[in-house]
């Protein structure tokens, strides 16, 4: 749905560009930069013979915020993931 010059809804293609103005039309949405990289940390411990626990952190190092022509926003967009896993061995 198009209201004035603003597109509302989930229709259209999602594209990944370093510059948000490149290749964007009314049928597409620029989401962010195409390359992401980061670090993964995992710590696990076996409590008894059958129980275990793991703590994991995935930290994105790349800034995914695209530029807008010559303008580079000051905000940073990075992926992060944290997880706790409980395990039971049969």
C-alpha atoms as a PDB file:
ATOM      1  CA  UNK A   1       0.000   0.000   0.000  1.00  0.00           C
ATOM      2  CA  UNK A   2       1.319   3.440  -0.905  1.00  0.00           C
ATOM      3  CA  UNK A   3       0.362   6.521   1.145  1.00  0.00           C
ATOM      4  CA  UNK A   4       1.666   9.686  -0.539  1.00  0.00           C
ATOM      5  CA  UNK A   5       5.315   8.698  -1.140  1.00  0.00           C
ATOM      6  CA  UNK A   6       5.586   6.234   1.780  1.00  0.00           C
ATOM      7  CA  UNK A   7       5.256   2.507   1.162  1.00  0.00           C
ATOM      8  CA  UNK A   8       3.438   0.576   3.892  1.00  0.00           C
ATOM      9  CA  UNK A   9       3.276  -3.215   3.983  1.00  0.00           C
ATOM     10  CA  UNK A  10       5.387  -6.257   3.318  1.00  0.00           C
ATOM     11  CA  UNK A  11       5.331  -6.305  -0.490  1.00  0.00           C
ATOM     12  CA  UNK A  12       8.504  -5.756  -2.465  1.00  0.00           C
ATOM     13  CA  UNK A  13      12.100  -6.940  -2.557  1.00  0.00           C
ATOM     14  CA  UNK A  14      14.643  -6.510   0.217  1.00  0.00           C
ATOM     15  CA  UNK A  15      18.059  -5.527  -1.120  1.00  0.00           C
ATOM     16  CA  UNK A  16      21.427  -5.196   0.617  1.00  0.00           C
ATOM     17  CA  UNK A  17      23.664  -2.297  -0.502  1.00  0.00           C
ATOM     18  CA  UNK A  18      26.460  -0.238   1.008  1.00  0.00           C
ATOM     19  CA  UNK A  19      24.584   2.858  -0.241  1.00  0.00           C
ATOM     20  CA  UNK A  20      20.852   2.862   0.545  1.00  0.00           C
ATOM     21  CA  UNK A  21      20.120   5.086  -2.485  1.00  0.00           C
ATOM     22  CA  UNK A  22      21.521   2.587  -5.031  1.00  0.00           C
ATOM     23  CA  UNK A  23      18.985   0.343  -6.767  1.00  0.00           C
ATOM     24  CA  UNK A  24      16.050   1.390  -4.565  1.00  0.00           C
ATOM     25  CA  UNK A  25      12.611   1.762  -6.138  1.00  0.00           C
ATOM     26  CA  UNK A  26       9.027   1.672  -4.907  1.00  0.00           C
ATOM     27  CA  UNK A  27       9.141  -2.128  -5.234  1.00  0.00           C
ATOM     28  CA  UNK A  28      12.265  -2.577  -3.069  1.00  0.00           C
ATOM     29  CA  UNK A  29      13.561  -1.758   0.396  1.00  0.00           C
ATOM     30  CA  UNK A  30      17.222  -1.245   1.266  1.00  0.00           C
ATOM     31  CA  UNK A  31      17.914  -3.137   4.503  1.00  0.00           C
ATOM     32  CA  UNK A  32      21.620  -2.806   5.182  1.00  0.00           C
ATOM     33  CA  UNK A  33      25.122  -3.666   4.082  1.00  0.00           C
ATOM     34  CA  UNK A  34      25.591  -7.056   2.406  1.00  0.00           C
ATOM     35  CA  UNK A  35      28.595  -8.368   4.410  1.00  0.00           C
ATOM     36  CA  UNK A  36      28.559  -9.225   8.100  1.00  0.00           C
ATOM     37  CA  UNK A  37      31.302 -10.745  10.264  1.00  0.00           C
ATOM     38  CA  UNK A  38      31.767 -11.285  13.971  1.00  0.00           C
ATOM     39  CA  UNK A  39      33.042 -13.454  16.795  1.00  0.00           C
ATOM     40  CA  UNK A  40      31.521 -16.417  18.600  1.00  0.00           C
ATOM     41  CA  UNK A  41      32.242 -17.378  22.233  1.00  0.00           C
ATOM     42  CA  UNK A  42      31.086 -20.644  23.808  1.00  0.00           C
ATOM     43  CA  UNK A  43      31.605 -21.872  27.362  1.00  0.00           C
ATOM     44  CA  UNK A  44      30.252 -25.239  28.486  1.00  0.00           C
ATOM     45  CA  UNK A  45      30.346 -27.323  31.641  1.00  0.00           C
ATOM     46  CA  UNK A  46      29.186 -30.863  32.367  1.00  0.00           C
ATOM     47  CA  UNK A  47      27.511 -30.853  35.805  1.00  0.00           C
ATOM     48  CA  UNK A  48      27.127 -34.579  36.386  1.00  0.00           C
ATOM     49  CA  UNK A  49      27.332 -37.418  33.943  1.00  0.00           C
ATOM     50  CA  UNK A  50      23.990 -36.471  32.387  1.00  0.00           C
ATOM     51  CA  UNK A  51      23.512 -32.705  32.824  1.00  0.00           C
ATOM     52  CA  UNK A  52      25.371 -29.954  31.002  1.00  0.00           C
ATOM     53  CA  UNK A  53      25.065 -26.201  30.607  1.00  0.00           C
ATOM     54  CA  UNK A  54      26.422 -23.906  27.877  1.00  0.00           C
ATOM     55  CA  UNK A  55      26.606 -20.131  27.571  1.00  0.00           C
ATOM     56  CA  UNK A  56      27.131 -18.647  24.118  1.00  0.00           C
ATOM     57  CA  UNK A  57      27.657 -15.124  22.779  1.00  0.00           C
ATOM     58  CA  UNK A  58      27.781 -14.094  19.118  1.00  0.00           C
ATOM     59  CA  UNK A  59      28.953 -10.521  18.610  1.00  0.00           C
ATOM     60  CA  UNK A  60      28.797  -8.770  15.242  1.00  0.00           C
ATOM     61  CA  UNK A  61      31.847  -6.658  14.470  1.00  0.00           C
ATOM     62  CA  UNK A  62      30.665  -5.094  11.194  1.00  0.00           C
ATOM     63  CA  UNK A  63      28.547  -1.938  11.087  1.00  0.00           C
ATOM     64  CA  UNK A  64      25.527  -2.826   8.915  1.00  0.00           C
ATOM     65  CA  UNK A  65      24.153   0.725   8.666  1.00  0.00           C
ATOM     66  CA  UNK A  66      24.226   1.771   4.994  1.00  0.00           C
ATOM     67  CA  UNK A  67      25.266   5.228   3.880  1.00  0.00           C
ATOM     68  CA  UNK A  68      22.750   7.528   2.188  1.00  0.00           C
ATOM     69  CA  UNK A  69      24.739   9.078  -0.642  1.00  0.00           C
ATOM     70  CA  UNK A  70      27.446  11.185   1.020  1.00  0.00           C
ATOM     71  CA  UNK A  71      25.726  11.030   4.439  1.00  0.00           C
ATOM     72  CA  UNK A  72      26.866   8.348   6.912  1.00  0.00           C
ATOM     73  CA  UNK A  73      24.567   8.059   9.975  1.00  0.00           C
ATOM     74  CA  UNK A  74      26.235   8.114  13.396  1.00  0.00           C
ATOM     75  CA  UNK A  75      24.147   5.178  14.610  1.00  0.00           C
ATOM     76  CA  UNK A  76      25.586   1.664  14.508  1.00  0.00           C
ATOM     77  CA  UNK A  77      23.644  -1.460  13.551  1.00  0.00           C
ATOM     78  CA  UNK A  78      25.325  -4.703  14.664  1.00  0.00           C
ATOM     79  CA  UNK A  79      24.090  -8.251  15.133  1.00  0.00           C
ATOM     80  CA  UNK A  80      24.231  -9.774  18.621  1.00  0.00           C
ATOM     81  CA  UNK A  81      23.027 -13.078  19.979  1.00  0.00           C
ATOM     82  CA  UNK A  82      23.211 -14.565  23.470  1.00  0.00           C
ATOM     83  CA  UNK A  83      22.111 -18.081  24.433  1.00  0.00           C
ATOM     84  CA  UNK A  84      21.987 -20.384  27.427  1.00  0.00           C
ATOM     85  CA  UNK A  85      21.591 -24.106  26.759  1.00  0.00           C
ATOM     86  CA  UNK A  86      20.726 -26.845  29.228  1.00  0.00           C
ATOM     87  CA  UNK A  87      21.420 -30.392  28.107  1.00  0.00           C
ATOM     88  CA  UNK A  88      20.533 -33.864  29.278  1.00  0.00           C
ATOM     89  CA  UNK A  89      22.346 -36.990  28.071  1.00  0.00           C
ATOM     90  CA  UNK A  90      20.384 -40.230  27.852  1.00  0.00           C
END
